[in-house]
Structures are given as C-alpha cells and as structure tokens.
Amino acid sequence: MSERRIICNCNEVYNDEIIKAIQEKGCKTVEDIGEETGAGTICGGCVDDIQEILDEYAGK
C-alpha cells in the first residue's frame, strides 16, 4: 500500500494520513482513526479499508 490513495471520500482522508495517525498518534482502532482524522465518521463506507490499514500497520 505504498501509493497514496483516498480511503475516506466523505472527509477526503488518504491512506498516508491514516498510517501517520497509527504510527505517530498510536491509533489502534477504527474509532481512534475517526477521532484523529475524521475517516469513517460520516457514511462508514471506508471502515473496512481503515481496518485493513490498522491490521497491516498497528502492530509495527
């Protein structure tokens, strides 16, 4: 997941912003990401994508 791509269309949040929130702010849940970036807080359509990023990066 190295290319920059939009994850949350509603709030225009990109994957690199979510990765940064995980690595620099210690976000560990979809709710944490929502609080930090706004992703997943409107329609919820990106929640699965956010969880995939968390699964990949939160343990590192």
C-alpha atoms as a PDB file:
ATOM      1  CA  MET A   1       0.000   0.000   0.000  1.00  0.00           C
ATOM      2  CA  SER A   2       2.739   2.401  -0.952  1.00  0.00           C
ATOM      3  CA  GLU A   3       0.839   4.605  -3.407  1.00  0.00           C
ATOM      4  CA  ARG A   4      -1.210   7.442  -1.991  1.00  0.00           C
ATOM      5  CA  ARG A   5      -4.902   6.718  -2.323  1.00  0.00           C
ATOM      6  CA  ILE A   6      -8.072   8.114  -0.879  1.00  0.00           C
ATOM      7  CA  ILE A   7      -9.683   5.980   1.801  1.00  0.00           C
ATOM      8  CA  CYS A   8     -12.498   8.202   3.081  1.00  0.00           C
ATOM      9  CA  ASN A   9     -14.269  10.100   0.315  1.00  0.00           C
ATOM     10  CA  CYS A  10     -16.589  11.949   2.695  1.00  0.00           C
ATOM     11  CA  ASN A  11     -13.750  13.606   4.607  1.00  0.00           C
ATOM     12  CA  GLU A  12     -11.055  13.293   1.926  1.00  0.00           C
ATOM     13  CA  VAL A  13      -8.671  11.252   4.066  1.00  0.00           C
ATOM     14  CA  TYR A  14      -5.814   9.412   2.369  1.00  0.00           C
ATOM     15  CA  ASN A  15      -4.103   6.196   3.411  1.00  0.00           C
ATOM     16  CA  ASP A  16      -0.887   8.011   4.342  1.00  0.00           C
ATOM     17  CA  GLU A  17      -2.800  10.167   6.842  1.00  0.00           C
ATOM     18  CA  ILE A  18      -4.216   7.044   8.470  1.00  0.00           C
ATOM     19  CA  ILE A  19      -0.783   5.392   8.589  1.00  0.00           C
ATOM     20  CA  LYS A  20       0.658   8.549  10.170  1.00  0.00           C
ATOM     21  CA  ALA A  21      -2.107   8.533  12.809  1.00  0.00           C
ATOM     22  CA  ILE A  22      -1.257   4.917  13.626  1.00  0.00           C
ATOM     23  CA  GLN A  23       2.488   5.453  13.784  1.00  0.00           C
ATOM     24  CA  GLU A  24       2.671   8.904  15.368  1.00  0.00           C
ATOM     25  CA  LYS A  25      -0.514   9.129  17.438  1.00  0.00           C
ATOM     26  CA  GLY A  26      -0.819   5.490  18.482  1.00  0.00           C
ATOM     27  CA  CYS A  27      -4.263   4.913  16.957  1.00  0.00           C
ATOM     28  CA  LYS A  28      -5.262   1.271  17.336  1.00  0.00           C
ATOM     29  CA  THR A  29      -8.968   1.171  16.415  1.00  0.00           C
ATOM     30  CA  VAL A  30     -11.264   2.468  13.693  1.00  0.00           C
ATOM     31  CA  GLU A  31     -12.725   4.780  16.326  1.00  0.00           C
ATOM     32  CA  ASP A  32      -9.274   6.161  17.145  1.00  0.00           C
ATOM     33  CA  ILE A  33      -8.691   6.857  13.447  1.00  0.00           C
ATOM     34  CA  GLY A  34     -12.069   8.581  13.222  1.00  0.00           C
ATOM     35  CA  GLU A  35     -11.262  10.831  16.149  1.00  0.00           C
ATOM     36  CA  GLU A  36      -7.827  11.707  14.779  1.00  0.00           C
ATOM     37  CA  THR A  37      -8.585  12.069  11.054  1.00  0.00           C
ATOM     38  CA  GLY A  38     -12.362  12.091  10.629  1.00  0.00           C
ATOM     39  CA  ALA A  39     -12.191   8.992   8.413  1.00  0.00           C
ATOM     40  CA  GLY A  40     -15.137   6.647   8.798  1.00  0.00           C
ATOM     41  CA  THR A  41     -17.286   9.105  10.722  1.00  0.00           C
ATOM     42  CA  ILE A  42     -19.893  10.025   8.097  1.00  0.00           C
ATOM     43  CA  CYS A  43     -21.176   7.180   5.909  1.00  0.00           C
ATOM     44  CA  GLY A  44     -18.973   4.370   7.253  1.00  0.00           C
ATOM     45  CA  GLY A  45     -18.250   3.015   3.795  1.00  0.00           C
ATOM     46  CA  CYS A  46     -14.495   3.083   4.396  1.00  0.00           C
ATOM     47  CA  VAL A  47     -14.463   1.315   7.760  1.00  0.00           C
ATOM     48  CA  ASP A  48     -13.287  -1.983   6.240  1.00  0.00           C
ATOM     49  CA  ASP A  49     -10.449  -0.202   4.422  1.00  0.00           C
ATOM     50  CA  ILE A  50      -9.432   1.561   7.638  1.00  0.00           C
ATOM     51  CA  GLN A  51      -9.425  -1.786   9.456  1.00  0.00           C
ATOM     52  CA  GLU A  52      -7.193  -3.304   6.764  1.00  0.00           C
ATOM     53  CA  ILE A  53      -4.680  -0.492   7.251  1.00  0.00           C
ATOM     54  CA  LEU A  54      -4.838  -0.947  11.014  1.00  0.00           C
ATOM     55  CA  ASP A  55      -4.259  -4.685  10.632  1.00  0.00           C
ATOM     56  CA  GLU A  56      -1.206  -4.002   8.485  1.00  0.00           C
ATOM     57  CA  TYR A  57       0.382  -1.132  10.432  1.00  0.00           C
ATOM     58  CA  ALA A  58      -0.868  -1.069  14.034  1.00  0.00           C
ATOM     59  CA  GLY A  59       1.314  -3.986  15.085  1.00  0.00           C
ATOM     60  CA  LYS A  60       4.517  -2.372  13.757  1.00  0.00           C
END
